[in-house]
Amino acid sequence: MTGHDRRADSVETYDPETAPDTAAWLALEEDERIRRIALYHRHVKAKLPNLQVHAALHAVVENQIAEELQTVRETVARLQAEGLSRHDAIHAVGSVLVGCLQALMREGAPARFEVESYFQDLRALTAGGWLKKGS
């Protein structure tokens, strides 16, 4: 096995159930992060309306975790303690982010993304609430 093959086994793959190595993840270009997430979802044959958008949102949440946004990290950990898989916790956080972005788009051009509002929404998020919303 060549050095490149070993690298492919350890770094090329993405598994949402395992946090990627922070330094290695942040060293990747954004399009490579999205590509790896999309490959994972293709591999598991996930039924998604838009794979690229899904992968991009996944990447944003993984980036926030890797960049040590404490509220995001705590929310993922709390959701896992409440019974969600890491993958589902990432989806739940992503759904809050999408809600904030949709509100921003409704407000129009002069609107600004309010990080503290996003964090408040994350603090209010529960596994049960997210599961109910999905049904």
Protein backbone atom coordinates (compact mmCIF):
# COMPACT_ATOMS: atom_id res chain seq x y z
CA MET A 1 0.00 0.00 0.00
CA THR A 2 1.46 3.36 -0.95
CA GLY A 3 1.46 6.44 1.29
CA HIS A 4 -1.28 7.91 -0.88
CA ASP A 5 -3.48 4.85 -0.35
CA ARG A 6 -3.10 5.08 3.44
CA ARG A 7 -4.01 8.76 3.24
CA ALA A 8 -7.10 7.89 1.23
CA ASP A 9 -8.21 5.45 3.93
CA SER A 10 -7.69 7.84 6.84
CA VAL A 11 -8.36 11.30 5.41
CA GLU A 12 -10.35 10.89 2.18
CA THR A 13 -13.43 9.55 3.86
CA TYR A 14 -16.02 11.38 5.90
CA ASP A 15 -18.14 9.72 8.55
CA PRO A 16 -20.70 11.99 10.24
CA GLU A 17 -20.76 9.72 13.29
CA THR A 18 -17.11 10.55 14.03
CA ALA A 19 -15.81 14.09 14.37
CA PRO A 20 -13.10 14.67 11.79
CA ASP A 21 -9.63 15.60 13.00
CA THR A 22 -9.94 19.35 13.48
CA ALA A 23 -6.60 20.36 11.98
CA ALA A 24 -6.97 18.04 8.99
CA TRP A 25 -10.56 19.18 8.39
CA LEU A 26 -9.74 22.87 8.53
CA ALA A 27 -6.70 22.35 6.27
CA LEU A 28 -9.01 21.16 3.46
CA GLU A 29 -10.45 23.57 0.92
CA GLU A 30 -14.18 24.13 1.42
CA ASP A 31 -15.10 22.45 -1.87
CA GLU A 32 -13.15 19.35 -0.79
CA ARG A 33 -15.04 19.21 2.52
CA ILE A 34 -18.34 19.42 0.64
CA ARG A 35 -17.19 16.79 -1.87
CA ARG A 36 -16.36 14.32 0.91
CA ILE A 37 -19.68 14.86 2.65
CA ALA A 38 -21.54 14.43 -0.65
CA LEU A 39 -19.61 11.20 -1.34
CA TYR A 40 -20.64 9.83 2.04
CA HIS A 41 -24.31 10.58 1.38
CA ARG A 42 -24.09 9.07 -2.11
CA HIS A 43 -22.42 5.97 -0.65
CA VAL A 44 -25.25 5.45 1.86
CA LYS A 45 -27.81 6.21 -0.88
CA ALA A 46 -29.41 9.03 1.09
CA LYS A 47 -32.57 10.35 -0.54
CA LEU A 48 -32.09 14.12 -0.63
CA PRO A 49 -33.80 16.83 -2.66
CA ASN A 50 -30.44 18.54 -3.31
CA LEU A 51 -27.26 16.67 -2.37
CA GLN A 52 -24.96 19.67 -2.87
CA VAL A 53 -27.01 21.99 -0.66
CA HIS A 54 -27.27 19.26 1.98
CA ALA A 55 -23.51 18.66 1.87
CA ALA A 56 -22.77 22.39 2.05
CA LEU A 57 -24.94 22.78 5.17
CA HIS A 58 -23.31 19.72 6.70
CA ALA A 59 -19.92 21.32 6.02
CA VAL A 60 -20.96 24.59 7.67
CA VAL A 61 -21.94 22.76 10.87
CA GLU A 62 -18.76 20.64 10.82
CA ASN A 63 -16.75 23.85 10.30
CA GLN A 64 -18.46 25.50 13.25
CA ILE A 65 -17.63 22.49 15.42
CA ALA A 66 -14.01 22.44 14.20
CA GLU A 67 -13.69 26.20 14.71
CA GLU A 68 -14.80 25.61 18.30
CA LEU A 69 -18.02 27.63 18.29
CA GLN A 70 -18.87 26.59 21.81
CA THR A 71 -22.66 26.85 21.49
CA VAL A 72 -22.64 24.63 18.39
CA ARG A 73 -20.35 22.08 20.06
CA GLU A 74 -22.46 22.05 23.22
CA THR A 75 -25.67 21.70 21.22
CA VAL A 76 -24.38 18.70 19.26
CA ALA A 77 -23.14 17.06 22.48
CA ARG A 78 -26.44 17.77 24.26
CA LEU A 79 -28.51 16.41 21.38
CA GLN A 80 -26.40 13.25 21.39
CA ALA A 81 -26.94 12.92 25.14
CA GLU A 82 -30.67 13.24 24.42
CA GLY A 83 -30.42 10.23 22.10
CA LEU A 84 -29.64 11.56 18.62
CA SER A 85 -26.78 10.16 16.60
CA ARG A 86 -24.00 12.65 15.81
CA HIS A 87 -25.24 12.69 12.21
CA ASP A 88 -28.80 13.54 13.28
CA ALA A 89 -27.50 16.19 15.69
CA ILE A 90 -25.65 17.82 12.78
CA HIS A 91 -28.90 17.76 10.79
CA ALA A 92 -30.79 19.32 13.69
CA VAL A 93 -28.24 22.14 14.03
CA GLY A 94 -28.33 22.59 10.25
CA SER A 95 -32.11 22.91 10.35
CA VAL A 96 -31.81 25.77 12.86
CA LEU A 97 -29.24 27.45 10.62
CA VAL A 98 -31.55 27.09 7.61
CA GLY A 99 -34.39 28.64 9.61
CA CYS A 100 -32.19 31.63 10.48
CA LEU A 101 -31.13 32.01 6.84
CA GLN A 102 -34.72 31.81 5.63
CA ALA A 103 -35.72 34.54 8.08
CA LEU A 104 -32.81 36.64 6.88
CA MET A 105 -33.90 36.24 3.27
CA ARG A 106 -37.47 37.25 4.14
CA GLU A 107 -36.18 40.41 5.82
CA GLY A 108 -34.39 41.55 2.66
CA ALA A 109 -31.10 43.14 1.67
CA PRO A 110 -30.33 45.34 4.71
CA ALA A 111 -30.82 42.44 7.15
CA ARG A 112 -27.82 40.99 8.99
CA PHE A 113 -27.29 37.47 10.30
CA GLU A 114 -27.65 37.66 14.08
CA VAL A 115 -25.25 35.13 15.55
CA GLU A 116 -26.65 35.51 19.07
CA SER A 117 -30.16 34.78 17.79
CA TYR A 118 -28.80 31.62 16.09
CA PHE A 119 -27.14 30.60 19.35
CA GLN A 120 -30.38 31.22 21.30
CA ASP A 121 -32.25 29.01 18.84
CA LEU A 122 -29.61 26.30 19.28
CA ARG A 123 -29.88 26.50 23.08
CA ALA A 124 -33.66 26.00 22.75
CA LEU A 125 -33.29 23.04 20.38
CA THR A 126 -34.09 19.61 21.79
CA ALA A 127 -33.88 16.18 20.25
CA GLY A 128 -37.60 15.64 20.88
CA GLY A 129 -38.54 18.96 19.32
CA TRP A 130 -36.42 18.29 16.26
CA LEU A 131 -37.82 14.78 15.83
CA LYS A 132 -41.40 16.11 16.11
CA LYS A 133 -40.67 18.80 13.53
CA GLY A 134 -39.41 16.12 11.13
CA SER A 135 -42.55 14.00 11.36
